[in-house]
Full PDB file with SEQRES, HELIX, SHEET, SSBOND, CRYST1, ORIGX, SCALE, CONECT and MASTER records, all heavy atoms in Angstrom:
SEQRES   1 A   42  SER TYR GLU GLU ALA PHE ARG ALA ALA HIS THR LEU LYS          
SEQRES   2 A   42  GLY VAL SER GLN ASN LEU SER PHE THR LYS LEU TYR GLN          
SEQRES   3 A   42  SER SER HIS GLU ILE THR GLU ALA LEU ARG THR ALA ASN          
SEQRES   4 A   42  TYR ASP LEU                                                  
HELIX    1 AA1 TYR A    2  ASN A   18  1                                  17    
HELIX    2 AA2 THR A   22  ARG A   36  1                                  15    
CRYST1    1.000    1.000    1.000  90.00  90.00  90.00 P 1           1          
ORIGX1      1.000000  0.000000  0.000000        0.00000                         
ORIGX2      0.000000  1.000000  0.000000        0.00000                         
ORIGX3      0.000000  0.000000  1.000000        0.00000                         
SCALE1      1.000000  0.000000  0.000000        0.00000                         
SCALE2      0.000000  1.000000  0.000000        0.00000                         
SCALE3      0.000000  0.000000  1.000000        0.00000                         
ATOM      1  N   SER A   1     391.883 112.766 162.336  1.00  0.00           N  
ATOM      2  CA  SER A   1     390.563 113.385 162.144  1.00  0.00           C  
ATOM      3  C   SER A   1     389.820 112.574 161.080  1.00  0.00           C  
ATOM      4  O   SER A   1     389.749 112.960 159.915  1.00  0.00           O  
ATOM      5  CB  SER A   1     390.710 114.845 161.701  1.00  0.00           C  
ATOM      6  OG  SER A   1     391.417 115.578 162.658  1.00  0.00           O  
ATOM      7  N   TYR A   2     389.261 111.447 161.493  1.00  0.00           N  
ATOM      8  CA  TYR A   2     388.755 110.471 160.542  1.00  0.00           C  
ATOM      9  C   TYR A   2     387.485 110.907 159.815  1.00  0.00           C  
ATOM     10  O   TYR A   2     387.308 110.554 158.650  1.00  0.00           O  
ATOM     11  CB  TYR A   2     388.560 109.122 161.228  1.00  0.00           C  
ATOM     12  CG  TYR A   2     389.864 108.597 161.782  1.00  0.00           C  
ATOM     13  CD1 TYR A   2     390.030 108.371 163.138  1.00  0.00           C  
ATOM     14  CD2 TYR A   2     390.951 108.353 160.943  1.00  0.00           C  
ATOM     15  CE1 TYR A   2     391.233 107.899 163.642  1.00  0.00           C  
ATOM     16  CE2 TYR A   2     392.164 107.892 161.436  1.00  0.00           C  
ATOM     17  CZ  TYR A   2     392.285 107.667 162.787  1.00  0.00           C  
ATOM     18  OH  TYR A   2     393.482 107.214 163.275  1.00  0.00           O  
ATOM     19  N   GLU A   3     386.627 111.664 160.475  1.00  0.00           N  
ATOM     20  CA  GLU A   3     385.437 112.160 159.773  1.00  0.00           C  
ATOM     21  C   GLU A   3     385.830 113.107 158.644  1.00  0.00           C  
ATOM     22  O   GLU A   3     385.291 113.035 157.538  1.00  0.00           O  
ATOM     23  CB  GLU A   3     384.478 112.858 160.740  1.00  0.00           C  
ATOM     24  CG  GLU A   3     383.676 111.898 161.578  1.00  0.00           C  
ATOM     25  CD  GLU A   3     382.638 112.616 162.424  1.00  0.00           C  
ATOM     26  OE1 GLU A   3     382.091 113.652 161.974  1.00  0.00           O  
ATOM     27  OE2 GLU A   3     382.367 112.126 163.537  1.00  0.00           O  
ATOM     28  N   GLU A   4     386.748 113.998 158.926  1.00  0.00           N  
ATOM     29  CA  GLU A   4     387.244 114.936 157.904  1.00  0.00           C  
ATOM     30  C   GLU A   4     387.979 114.177 156.794  1.00  0.00           C  
ATOM     31  O   GLU A   4     387.826 114.485 155.609  1.00  0.00           O  
ATOM     32  CB  GLU A   4     388.169 115.972 158.532  1.00  0.00           C  
ATOM     33  CG  GLU A   4     388.522 117.110 157.616  1.00  0.00           C  
ATOM     34  CD  GLU A   4     387.347 118.025 157.301  1.00  0.00           C  
ATOM     35  OE1 GLU A   4     386.447 118.171 158.141  1.00  0.00           O  
ATOM     36  OE2 GLU A   4     387.327 118.592 156.193  1.00  0.00           O  
ATOM     37  N   ALA A   5     388.750 113.171 157.179  1.00  0.00           N  
ATOM     38  CA  ALA A   5     389.453 112.347 156.189  1.00  0.00           C  
ATOM     39  C   ALA A   5     388.448 111.630 155.288  1.00  0.00           C  
ATOM     40  O   ALA A   5     388.645 111.552 154.069  1.00  0.00           O  
ATOM     41  CB  ALA A   5     390.362 111.339 156.885  1.00  0.00           C  
ATOM     42  N   PHE A   6     387.363 111.132 155.881  1.00  0.00           N  
ATOM     43  CA  PHE A   6     386.337 110.458 155.078  1.00  0.00           C  
ATOM     44  C   PHE A   6     385.719 111.417 154.061  1.00  0.00           C  
ATOM     45  O   PHE A   6     385.582 111.081 152.887  1.00  0.00           O  
ATOM     46  CB  PHE A   6     385.229 109.867 155.964  1.00  0.00           C  
ATOM     47  CG  PHE A   6     384.062 109.381 155.169  1.00  0.00           C  
ATOM     48  CD1 PHE A   6     384.132 108.184 154.465  1.00  0.00           C  
ATOM     49  CD2 PHE A   6     382.901 110.139 155.087  1.00  0.00           C  
ATOM     50  CE1 PHE A   6     383.059 107.746 153.702  1.00  0.00           C  
ATOM     51  CE2 PHE A   6     381.837 109.711 154.325  1.00  0.00           C  
ATOM     52  CZ  PHE A   6     381.910 108.507 153.631  1.00  0.00           C  
ATOM     53  N   ARG A   7     385.363 112.610 154.501  1.00  0.00           N  
ATOM     54  CA  ARG A   7     384.760 113.592 153.572  1.00  0.00           C  
ATOM     55  C   ARG A   7     385.724 113.929 152.439  1.00  0.00           C  
ATOM     56  O   ARG A   7     385.316 114.022 151.275  1.00  0.00           O  
ATOM     57  CB  ARG A   7     384.347 114.857 154.327  1.00  0.00           C  
ATOM     58  CG  ARG A   7     383.059 114.692 155.106  1.00  0.00           C  
ATOM     59  CD  ARG A   7     382.521 116.026 155.619  1.00  0.00           C  
ATOM     60  NE  ARG A   7     383.391 116.634 156.610  1.00  0.00           N  
ATOM     61  CZ  ARG A   7     383.359 116.359 157.906  1.00  0.00           C  
ATOM     62  NH1 ARG A   7     382.511 115.481 158.382  1.00  0.00           N  
ATOM     63  NH2 ARG A   7     384.174 116.979 158.741  1.00  0.00           N  
ATOM     64  N   ALA A   8     386.980 114.102 152.775  1.00  0.00           N  
ATOM     65  CA  ALA A   8     387.979 114.427 151.751  1.00  0.00           C  
ATOM     66  C   ALA A   8     388.180 113.262 150.786  1.00  0.00           C  
ATOM     67  O   ALA A   8     388.255 113.453 149.567  1.00  0.00           O  
ATOM     68  CB  ALA A   8     389.307 114.809 152.413  1.00  0.00           C  
ATOM     69  N   ALA A   9     388.253 112.045 151.322  1.00  0.00           N  
ATOM     70  CA  ALA A   9     388.427 110.857 150.469  1.00  0.00           C  
ATOM     71  C   ALA A   9     387.214 110.693 149.553  1.00  0.00           C  
ATOM     72  O   ALA A   9     387.362 110.382 148.365  1.00  0.00           O  
ATOM     73  CB  ALA A   9     388.617 109.614 151.331  1.00  0.00           C  
ATOM     74  N   HIS A  10     386.046 110.901 150.089  1.00  0.00           N  
ATOM     75  CA  HIS A  10     384.815 110.764 149.306  1.00  0.00           C  
ATOM     76  C   HIS A  10     384.772 111.801 148.183  1.00  0.00           C  
ATOM     77  O   HIS A  10     384.386 111.494 147.046  1.00  0.00           O  
ATOM     78  CB  HIS A  10     383.599 110.910 150.231  1.00  0.00           C  
ATOM     79  CG  HIS A  10     382.329 110.499 149.610  1.00  0.00           C  
ATOM     80  ND1 HIS A  10     381.520 111.373 148.927  1.00  0.00           N  
ATOM     81  CD2 HIS A  10     381.727 109.289 149.555  1.00  0.00           C  
ATOM     82  CE1 HIS A  10     380.465 110.728 148.476  1.00  0.00           C  
ATOM     83  NE2 HIS A  10     380.557 109.458 148.844  1.00  0.00           N  
ATOM     84  N   THR A  11     385.199 113.009 148.476  1.00  0.00           N  
ATOM     85  CA  THR A  11     385.241 114.060 147.450  1.00  0.00           C  
ATOM     86  C   THR A  11     386.268 113.718 146.378  1.00  0.00           C  
ATOM     87  O   THR A  11     385.985 113.837 145.178  1.00  0.00           O  
ATOM     88  CB  THR A  11     385.571 115.424 148.087  1.00  0.00           C  
ATOM     89  OG1 THR A  11     384.553 115.740 149.041  1.00  0.00           O  
ATOM     90  CG2 THR A  11     385.647 116.524 147.045  1.00  0.00           C  
ATOM     91  N   LEU A  12     387.452 113.281 146.787  1.00  0.00           N  
ATOM     92  CA  LEU A  12     388.488 112.894 145.828  1.00  0.00           C  
ATOM     93  C   LEU A  12     388.001 111.754 144.946  1.00  0.00           C  
ATOM     94  O   LEU A  12     388.218 111.756 143.731  1.00  0.00           O  
ATOM     95  CB  LEU A  12     389.771 112.498 146.567  1.00  0.00           C  
ATOM     96  CG  LEU A  12     390.956 112.095 145.693  1.00  0.00           C  
ATOM     97  CD1 LEU A  12     391.406 113.269 144.805  1.00  0.00           C  
ATOM     98  CD2 LEU A  12     392.109 111.616 146.574  1.00  0.00           C  
ATOM     99  N   LYS A  13     387.327 110.806 145.545  1.00  0.00           N  
ATOM    100  CA  LYS A  13     386.768 109.678 144.796  1.00  0.00           C  
ATOM    101  C   LYS A  13     385.766 110.176 143.755  1.00  0.00           C  
ATOM    102  O   LYS A  13     385.804 109.767 142.594  1.00  0.00           O  
ATOM    103  CB  LYS A  13     386.091 108.693 145.746  1.00  0.00           C  
ATOM    104  CG  LYS A  13     385.412 107.531 145.048  1.00  0.00           C  
ATOM    105  CD  LYS A  13     384.661 106.661 146.029  1.00  0.00           C  
ATOM    106  CE  LYS A  13     383.292 107.232 146.238  1.00  0.00           C  
ATOM    107  NZ  LYS A  13     382.327 106.292 146.810  1.00  0.00           N  
ATOM    108  N   GLY A  14     384.885 111.090 144.157  1.00  0.00           N  
ATOM    109  CA  GLY A  14     383.882 111.614 143.239  1.00  0.00           C  
ATOM    110  C   GLY A  14     384.472 112.404 142.091  1.00  0.00           C  
ATOM    111  O   GLY A  14     384.070 112.233 140.932  1.00  0.00           O  
ATOM    112  N   VAL A  15     385.429 113.242 142.394  1.00  0.00           N  
ATOM    113  CA  VAL A  15     386.094 114.023 141.342  1.00  0.00           C  
ATOM    114  C   VAL A  15     386.824 113.091 140.379  1.00  0.00           C  
ATOM    115  O   VAL A  15     386.731 113.245 139.155  1.00  0.00           O  
ATOM    116  CB  VAL A  15     387.071 115.056 141.958  1.00  0.00           C  
ATOM    117  CG1 VAL A  15     387.948 115.697 140.901  1.00  0.00           C  
ATOM    118  CG2 VAL A  15     386.303 116.125 142.734  1.00  0.00           C  
ATOM    119  N   SER A  16     387.507 112.105 140.936  1.00  0.00           N  
ATOM    120  CA  SER A  16     388.238 111.145 140.099  1.00  0.00           C  
ATOM    121  C   SER A  16     387.292 110.343 139.211  1.00  0.00           C  
ATOM    122  O   SER A  16     387.587 110.084 138.042  1.00  0.00           O  
ATOM    123  CB  SER A  16     389.044 110.183 140.976  1.00  0.00           C  
ATOM    124  OG  SER A  16     389.990 110.885 141.728  1.00  0.00           O  
ATOM    125  N   GLN A  17     386.156 109.982 139.759  1.00  0.00           N  
ATOM    126  CA  GLN A  17     385.175 109.234 138.976  1.00  0.00           C  
ATOM    127  C   GLN A  17     384.604 110.116 137.865  1.00  0.00           C  
ATOM    128  O   GLN A  17     384.502 109.684 136.718  1.00  0.00           O  
ATOM    129  CB  GLN A  17     384.061 108.719 139.870  1.00  0.00           C  
ATOM    130  CG  GLN A  17     383.052 107.860 139.124  1.00  0.00           C  
ATOM    131  CD  GLN A  17     382.010 107.282 140.046  1.00  0.00           C  
ATOM    132  OE1 GLN A  17     381.620 107.910 141.033  1.00  0.00           O  
ATOM    133  NE2 GLN A  17     381.556 106.089 139.741  1.00  0.00           N  
ATOM    134  N   ASN A  18     384.245 111.337 138.198  1.00  0.00           N  
ATOM    135  CA  ASN A  18     383.666 112.241 137.200  1.00  0.00           C  
ATOM    136  C   ASN A  18     384.629 112.553 136.065  1.00  0.00           C  
ATOM    137  O   ASN A  18     384.213 112.746 134.924  1.00  0.00           O  
ATOM    138  CB  ASN A  18     383.194 113.538 137.855  1.00  0.00           C  
ATOM    139  CG  ASN A  18     381.937 113.346 138.658  1.00  0.00           C  
ATOM    140  OD1 ASN A  18     381.159 112.436 138.411  1.00  0.00           O  
ATOM    141  ND2 ASN A  18     381.738 114.205 139.647  1.00  0.00           N  
ATOM    142  N   LEU A  19     385.926 112.605 136.372  1.00  0.00           N  
ATOM    143  CA  LEU A  19     386.928 112.892 135.342  1.00  0.00           C  
ATOM    144  C   LEU A  19     387.512 111.614 134.730  1.00  0.00           C  
ATOM    145  O   LEU A  19     388.408 111.689 133.897  1.00  0.00           O  
ATOM    146  CB  LEU A  19     388.049 113.752 135.932  1.00  0.00           C  
ATOM    147  CG  LEU A  19     387.619 115.172 136.300  1.00  0.00           C  
ATOM    148  CD1 LEU A  19     388.745 115.915 137.014  1.00  0.00           C  
ATOM    149  CD2 LEU A  19     387.170 115.931 135.066  1.00  0.00           C  
ATOM    150  N   SER A  20     386.992 110.469 135.134  1.00  0.00           N  
ATOM    151  CA  SER A  20     387.439 109.161 134.628  1.00  0.00           C  
ATOM    152  C   SER A  20     388.934 108.935 134.857  1.00  0.00           C  
ATOM    153  O   SER A  20     389.620 108.367 134.018  1.00  0.00           O  
ATOM    154  CB  SER A  20     387.075 108.990 133.150  1.00  0.00           C  
ATOM    155  OG  SER A  20     385.674 109.049 132.986  1.00  0.00           O  
ATOM    156  N   PHE A  21     389.420 109.360 136.019  1.00  0.00           N  
ATOM    157  CA  PHE A  21     390.772 109.068 136.449  1.00  0.00           C  
ATOM    158  C   PHE A  21     390.711 107.696 137.140  1.00  0.00           C  
ATOM    159  O   PHE A  21     390.715 107.592 138.366  1.00  0.00           O  
ATOM    160  CB  PHE A  21     391.305 110.118 137.417  1.00  0.00           C  
ATOM    161  CG  PHE A  21     391.484 111.498 136.851  1.00  0.00           C  
ATOM    162  CD1 PHE A  21     391.642 112.580 137.704  1.00  0.00           C  
ATOM    163  CD2 PHE A  21     391.502 111.738 135.487  1.00  0.00           C  
ATOM    164  CE1 PHE A  21     391.835 113.863 137.216  1.00  0.00           C  
ATOM    165  CE2 PHE A  21     391.682 113.021 134.980  1.00  0.00           C  
ATOM    166  CZ  PHE A  21     391.850 114.088 135.849  1.00  0.00           C  
ATOM    167  N   THR A  22     390.608 106.654 136.364  1.00  0.00           N  
ATOM    168  CA  THR A  22     390.288 105.315 136.845  1.00  0.00           C  
ATOM    169  C   THR A  22     391.220 104.837 137.947  1.00  0.00           C  
ATOM    170  O   THR A  22     390.761 104.343 138.986  1.00  0.00           O  
ATOM    171  CB  THR A  22     390.302 104.319 135.669  1.00  0.00           C  
ATOM    172  OG1 THR A  22     389.475 104.851 134.625  1.00  0.00           O  
ATOM    173  CG2 THR A  22     389.794 102.958 136.081  1.00  0.00           C  
ATOM    174  N   LYS A  23     392.504 104.973 137.743  1.00  0.00           N  
ATOM    175  CA  LYS A  23     393.485 104.487 138.730  1.00  0.00           C  
ATOM    176  C   LYS A  23     393.309 105.216 140.065  1.00  0.00           C  
ATOM    177  O   LYS A  23     393.245 104.585 141.119  1.00  0.00           O  
ATOM    178  CB  LYS A  23     394.891 104.666 138.176  1.00  0.00           C  
ATOM    179  CG  LYS A  23     395.970 103.987 138.954  1.00  0.00           C  
ATOM    180  CD  LYS A  23     397.296 104.139 138.207  1.00  0.00           C  
ATOM    181  CE  LYS A  23     398.378 103.350 138.849  1.00  0.00           C  
ATOM    182  NZ  LYS A  23     398.449 101.973 138.368  1.00  0.00           N  
ATOM    183  N   LEU A  24     393.218 106.528 140.036  1.00  0.00           N  
ATOM    184  CA  LEU A  24     393.033 107.307 141.261  1.00  0.00           C  
ATOM    185  C   LEU A  24     391.652 107.050 141.860  1.00  0.00           C  
ATOM    186  O   LEU A  24     391.509 106.982 143.081  1.00  0.00           O  
ATOM    187  CB  LEU A  24     393.232 108.800 140.991  1.00  0.00           C  
ATOM    188  CG  LEU A  24     393.100 109.730 142.188  1.00  0.00           C  
ATOM    189  CD1 LEU A  24     394.075 109.350 143.309  1.00  0.00           C  
ATOM    190  CD2 LEU A  24     393.315 111.170 141.759  1.00  0.00           C  
ATOM    191  N   TYR A  25     390.665 106.875 141.022  1.00  0.00           N  
ATOM    192  CA  TYR A  25     389.327 106.550 141.532  1.00  0.00           C  
ATOM    193  C   TYR A  25     389.366 105.256 142.344  1.00  0.00           C  
ATOM    194  O   TYR A  25     388.801 105.185 143.435  1.00  0.00           O  
ATOM    195  CB  TYR A  25     388.302 106.423 140.392  1.00  0.00           C  
ATOM    196  CG  TYR A  25     387.033 105.755 140.866  1.00  0.00           C  
ATOM    197  CD1 TYR A  25     386.135 106.448 141.671  1.00  0.00           C  
ATOM    198  CD2 TYR A  25     386.779 104.420 140.574  1.00  0.00           C  
ATOM    199  CE1 TYR A  25     384.997 105.822 142.157  1.00  0.00           C  
ATOM    200  CE2 TYR A  25     385.651 103.793 141.055  1.00  0.00           C  
ATOM    201  CZ  TYR A  25     384.760 104.490 141.843  1.00  0.00           C  
ATOM    202  OH  TYR A  25     383.641 103.867 142.335  1.00  0.00           O  
ATOM    203  N   GLN A  26     390.024 104.242 141.820  1.00  0.00           N  
ATOM    204  CA  GLN A  26     390.051 102.949 142.507  1.00  0.00           C  
ATOM    205  C   GLN A  26     390.713 103.050 143.878  1.00  0.00           C  
ATOM    206  O   GLN A  26     390.185 102.540 144.862  1.00  0.00           O  
ATOM    207  CB  GLN A  26     390.740 101.899 141.631  1.00  0.00           C  
ATOM    208  CG  GLN A  26     389.907 101.532 140.422  1.00  0.00           C  
ATOM    209  CD  GLN A  26     390.656 100.699 139.393  1.00  0.00           C  
ATOM    210  OE1 GLN A  26     391.883 100.636 139.385  1.00  0.00           O  
ATOM    211  NE2 GLN A  26     389.911 100.069 138.504  1.00  0.00           N  
ATOM    212  N   SER A  27     391.852 103.709 143.945  1.00  0.00           N  
ATOM    213  CA  SER A  27     392.535 103.800 145.241  1.00  0.00           C  
ATOM    214  C   SER A  27     391.776 104.723 146.207  1.00  0.00           C  
ATOM    215  O   SER A  27     391.716 104.438 147.408  1.00  0.00           O  
ATOM    216  CB  SER A  27     393.984 104.255 145.077  1.00  0.00           C  
ATOM    217  OG  SER A  27     394.081 105.522 144.464  1.00  0.00           O  
ATOM    218  N   SER A  28     391.178 105.788 145.700  1.00  0.00           N  
ATOM    219  CA  SER A  28     390.416 106.675 146.587  1.00  0.00           C  
ATOM    220  C   SER A  28     389.115 105.999 147.036  1.00  0.00           C  
ATOM    221  O   SER A  28     388.638 106.239 148.150  1.00  0.00           O  
ATOM    222  CB  SER A  28     390.161 108.030 145.935  1.00  0.00           C  
ATOM    223  OG  SER A  28     389.442 107.908 144.743  1.00  0.00           O  
ATOM    224  N   HIS A  29     388.562 105.138 146.199  1.00  0.00           N  
ATOM    225  CA  HIS A  29     387.376 104.365 146.596  1.00  0.00           C  
ATOM    226  C   HIS A  29     387.740 103.418 147.752  1.00  0.00           C  
ATOM    227  O   HIS A  29     386.996 103.321 148.736  1.00  0.00           O  
ATOM    228  CB  HIS A  29     386.835 103.575 145.400  1.00  0.00           C  
ATOM    229  CG  HIS A  29     385.757 102.607 145.765  1.00  0.00           C  
ATOM    230  ND1 HIS A  29     384.485 103.003 146.085  1.00  0.00           N  
ATOM    231  CD2 HIS A  29     385.782 101.258 145.888  1.00  0.00           C  
ATOM    232  CE1 HIS A  29     383.764 101.940 146.382  1.00  0.00           C  
ATOM    233  NE2 HIS A  29     384.533 100.866 146.260  1.00  0.00           N  
ATOM    234  N   GLU A  30     388.873 102.743 147.640  1.00  0.00           N  
ATOM    235  CA  GLU A  30     389.294 101.807 148.687  1.00  0.00           C  
ATOM    236  C   GLU A  30     389.485 102.507 150.025  1.00  0.00           C  
ATOM    237  O   GLU A  30     389.028 102.016 151.060  1.00  0.00           O  
ATOM    238  CB  GLU A  30     390.584 101.098 148.281  1.00  0.00           C  
ATOM    239  CG  GLU A  30     390.413 100.117 147.147  1.00  0.00           C  
ATOM    240  CD  GLU A  30     391.742  99.572 146.640  1.00  0.00           C  
ATOM    241  OE1 GLU A  30     392.796  99.820 147.267  1.00  0.00           O  
ATOM    242  OE2 GLU A  30     391.714  98.879 145.605  1.00  0.00           O  
ATOM    243  N   ILE A  31     390.140 103.674 150.011  1.00  0.00           N  
ATOM    244  CA  ILE A  31     390.369 104.377 151.280  1.00  0.00           C  
ATOM    245  C   ILE A  31     389.065 104.962 151.818  1.00  0.00           C  
ATOM    246  O   ILE A  31     388.843 104.989 153.032  1.00  0.00           O  
ATOM    247  CB  ILE A  31     391.497 105.432 151.155  1.00  0.00           C  
ATOM    248  CG1 ILE A  31     392.059 105.778 152.540  1.00  0.00           C  
ATOM    249  CG2 ILE A  31     391.040 106.665 150.407  1.00  0.00           C  
ATOM    250  CD1 ILE A  31     393.349 106.570 152.498  1.00  0.00           C  
ATOM    251  N   THR A  32     388.181 105.384 150.926  1.00  0.00           N  
ATOM    252  CA  THR A  32     386.868 105.879 151.354  1.00  0.00           C  
ATOM    253  C   THR A  32     386.107 104.788 152.086  1.00  0.00           C  
ATOM    254  O   THR A  32     385.528 105.022 153.156  1.00  0.00           O  
ATOM    255  CB  THR A  32     386.049 106.374 150.146  1.00  0.00           C  
ATOM    256  OG1 THR A  32     386.737 107.458 149.526  1.00  0.00           O  
ATOM    257  CG2 THR A  32     384.661 106.832 150.555  1.00  0.00           C  
ATOM    258  N   GLU A  33     386.116 103.583 151.530  1.00  0.00           N  
ATOM    259  CA  GLU A  33     385.391 102.473 152.159  1.00  0.00           C  
ATOM    260  C   GLU A  33     386.028 102.067 153.480  1.00  0.00           C  
ATOM    261  O   GLU A  33     385.311 101.727 154.430  1.00  0.00           O  
ATOM    262  CB  GLU A  33     385.279 101.291 151.200  1.00  0.00           C  
ATOM    263  CG  GLU A  33     384.384 101.587 150.007  1.00  0.00           C  
ATOM    264  CD  GLU A  33     383.020 102.160 150.400  1.00  0.00           C  
ATOM    265  OE1 GLU A  33     382.312 101.526 151.220  1.00  0.00           O  
ATOM    266  OE2 GLU A  33     382.668 103.241 149.901  1.00  0.00           O  
ATOM    267  N   ALA A  34     387.345 102.117 153.564  1.00  0.00           N  
ATOM    268  CA  ALA A  34     388.007 101.813 154.834  1.00  0.00           C  
ATOM    269  C   ALA A  34     387.588 102.827 155.900  1.00  0.00           C  
ATOM    270  O   ALA A  34     387.294 102.451 157.044  1.00  0.00           O  
ATOM    271  CB  ALA A  34     389.523 101.809 154.661  1.00  0.00           C  
ATOM    272  N   LEU A  35     387.530 104.090 155.526  1.00  0.00           N  
ATOM    273  CA  LEU A  35     387.109 105.126 156.478  1.00  0.00           C  
ATOM    274  C   LEU A  35     385.623 105.022 156.807  1.00  0.00           C  
ATOM    275  O   LEU A  35     385.226 105.219 157.956  1.00  0.00           O  
ATOM    276  CB  LEU A  35     387.452 106.517 155.923  1.00  0.00           C  
ATOM    277  CG  LEU A  35     388.950 106.828 155.884  1.00  0.00           C  
ATOM    278  CD1 LEU A  35     389.234 107.997 154.955  1.00  0.00           C  
ATOM    279  CD2 LEU A  35     389.466 107.102 157.299  1.00  0.00           C  
ATOM    280  N   ARG A  36     384.819 104.696 155.815  1.00  0.00           N  
ATOM    281  CA  ARG A  36     383.367 104.551 156.027  1.00  0.00           C  
ATOM    282  C   ARG A  36     383.075 103.471 157.080  1.00  0.00           C  
ATOM    283  O   ARG A  36     382.178 103.613 157.890  1.00  0.00           O  
ATOM    284  CB  ARG A  36     382.670 104.198 154.724  1.00  0.00           C  
ATOM    285  CG  ARG A  36     381.151 104.081 154.834  1.00  0.00           C  
ATOM    286  CD  ARG A  36     380.473 103.546 153.575  1.00  0.00           C  
ATOM    287  NE  ARG A  36     380.910 104.114 152.344  1.00  0.00           N  
ATOM    288  CZ  ARG A  36     380.469 105.255 151.797  1.00  0.00           C  
ATOM    289  NH1 ARG A  36     379.551 105.964 152.438  1.00  0.00           N  
ATOM    290  NH2 ARG A  36     380.923 105.672 150.643  1.00  0.00           N  
ATOM    291  N   THR A  37     383.870 102.393 157.036  1.00  0.00           N  
ATOM    292  CA  THR A  37     383.658 101.269 157.960  1.00  0.00           C  
ATOM    293  C   THR A  37     384.517 101.375 159.223  1.00  0.00           C  
ATOM    294  O   THR A  37     384.619 100.404 159.974  1.00  0.00           O  
ATOM    295  CB  THR A  37     383.935  99.930 157.244  1.00  0.00           C  
ATOM    296  OG1 THR A  37     385.296  99.919 156.786  1.00  0.00           O  
ATOM    297  CG2 THR A  37     382.983  99.721 156.072  1.00  0.00           C  
ATOM    298  N   ALA A  38     385.131 102.529 159.429  1.00  0.00           N  
ATOM    299  CA  ALA A  38     385.954 102.803 160.614  1.00  0.00           C  
ATOM    300  C   ALA A  38     387.154 101.861 160.722  1.00  0.00           C  
ATOM    301  O   ALA A  38     387.638 101.572 161.815  1.00  0.00           O  
ATOM    302  CB  ALA A  38     385.121 102.781 161.895  1.00  0.00           C  
ATOM    303  N   ASN A  39     387.654 101.402 159.591  1.00  0.00           N  
ATOM    304  CA  ASN A  39     388.861 100.584 159.568  1.00  0.00           C  
ATOM    305  C   ASN A  39     390.043 101.532 159.355  1.00  0.00           C  
ATOM    306  O   ASN A  39     390.621 101.604 158.269  1.00  0.00           O  
ATOM    307  CB  ASN A  39     388.767  99.529 158.461  1.00  0.00           C  
ATOM    308  CG  ASN A  39     389.838  98.477 158.577  1.00  0.00           C  
ATOM    309  OD1 ASN A  39     390.855  98.674 159.260  1.00  0.00           O  
ATOM    310  ND2 ASN A  39     389.627  97.355 157.914  1.00  0.00           N  
ATOM    311  N   TYR A  40     390.371 102.261 160.402  1.00  0.00           N  
ATOM    312  CA  TYR A  40     391.346 103.337 160.303  1.00  0.00           C  
ATOM    313  C   TYR A  40     392.762 102.833 160.053  1.00  0.00           C  
ATOM    314  O   TYR A  40     393.535 103.490 159.357  1.00  0.00           O  
ATOM    315  CB  TYR A  40     391.279 104.223 161.546  1.00  0.00           C  
ATOM    316  CG  TYR A  40     389.900 104.774 161.787  1.00  0.00           C  
ATOM    317  CD1 TYR A  40     389.295 104.681 163.026  1.00  0.00           C  
ATOM    318  CD2 TYR A  40     389.181 105.376 160.751  1.00  0.00           C  
ATOM    319  CE1 TYR A  40     388.008 105.176 163.239  1.00  0.00           C  
ATOM    320  CE2 TYR A  40     387.903 105.872 160.949  1.00  0.00           C  
ATOM    321  CZ  TYR A  40     387.326 105.765 162.200  1.00  0.00           C  
ATOM    322  OH  TYR A  40     386.054 106.255 162.387  1.00  0.00           O  
ATOM    323  N   ASP A  41     393.099 101.676 160.612  1.00  0.00           N  
ATOM    324  CA  ASP A  41     394.428 101.113 160.338  1.00  0.00           C  
ATOM    325  C   ASP A  41     394.593 100.811 158.852  1.00  0.00           C  
ATOM    326  O   ASP A  41     395.638 101.096 158.265  1.00  0.00           O  
ATOM    327  CB  ASP A  41     394.667  99.843 161.159  1.00  0.00           C  
ATOM    328  CG  ASP A  41     394.827 100.123 162.644  1.00  0.00           C  
ATOM    329  OD1 ASP A  41     395.183 101.271 162.998  1.00  0.00           O  
ATOM    330  OD2 ASP A  41     394.592  99.200 163.453  1.00  0.00           O  
ATOM    331  N   LEU A  42     393.561 100.248 158.249  1.00  0.00           N  
ATOM    332  CA  LEU A  42     393.607  99.964 156.817  1.00  0.00           C  
ATOM    333  C   LEU A  42     393.705 101.263 156.025  1.00  0.00           C  
ATOM    334  O   LEU A  42     394.471 101.356 155.064  1.00  0.00           O  
ATOM    335  CB  LEU A  42     392.384  99.155 156.374  1.00  0.00           C  
ATOM    336  CG  LEU A  42     392.298  98.863 154.872  1.00  0.00           C  
ATOM    337  CD1 LEU A  42     393.519  98.077 154.393  1.00  0.00           C  
ATOM    338  CD2 LEU A  42     390.995  98.126 154.562  1.00  0.00           C  
TER     339      LEU A  42                                                      
MASTER        0    0    0    2    0    0    0    6  338    1    0    4          
END                                                                             
């Protein structure tokens, strides 16, 4: 369910950024961008 996964990844990225959880922000940003560009294997 890639659309739902994208929304969840984007939310996790935002929460991590707002709380300055840098390490988690970086990895959640990467997966968000992979989902945004429909690179589901990545």
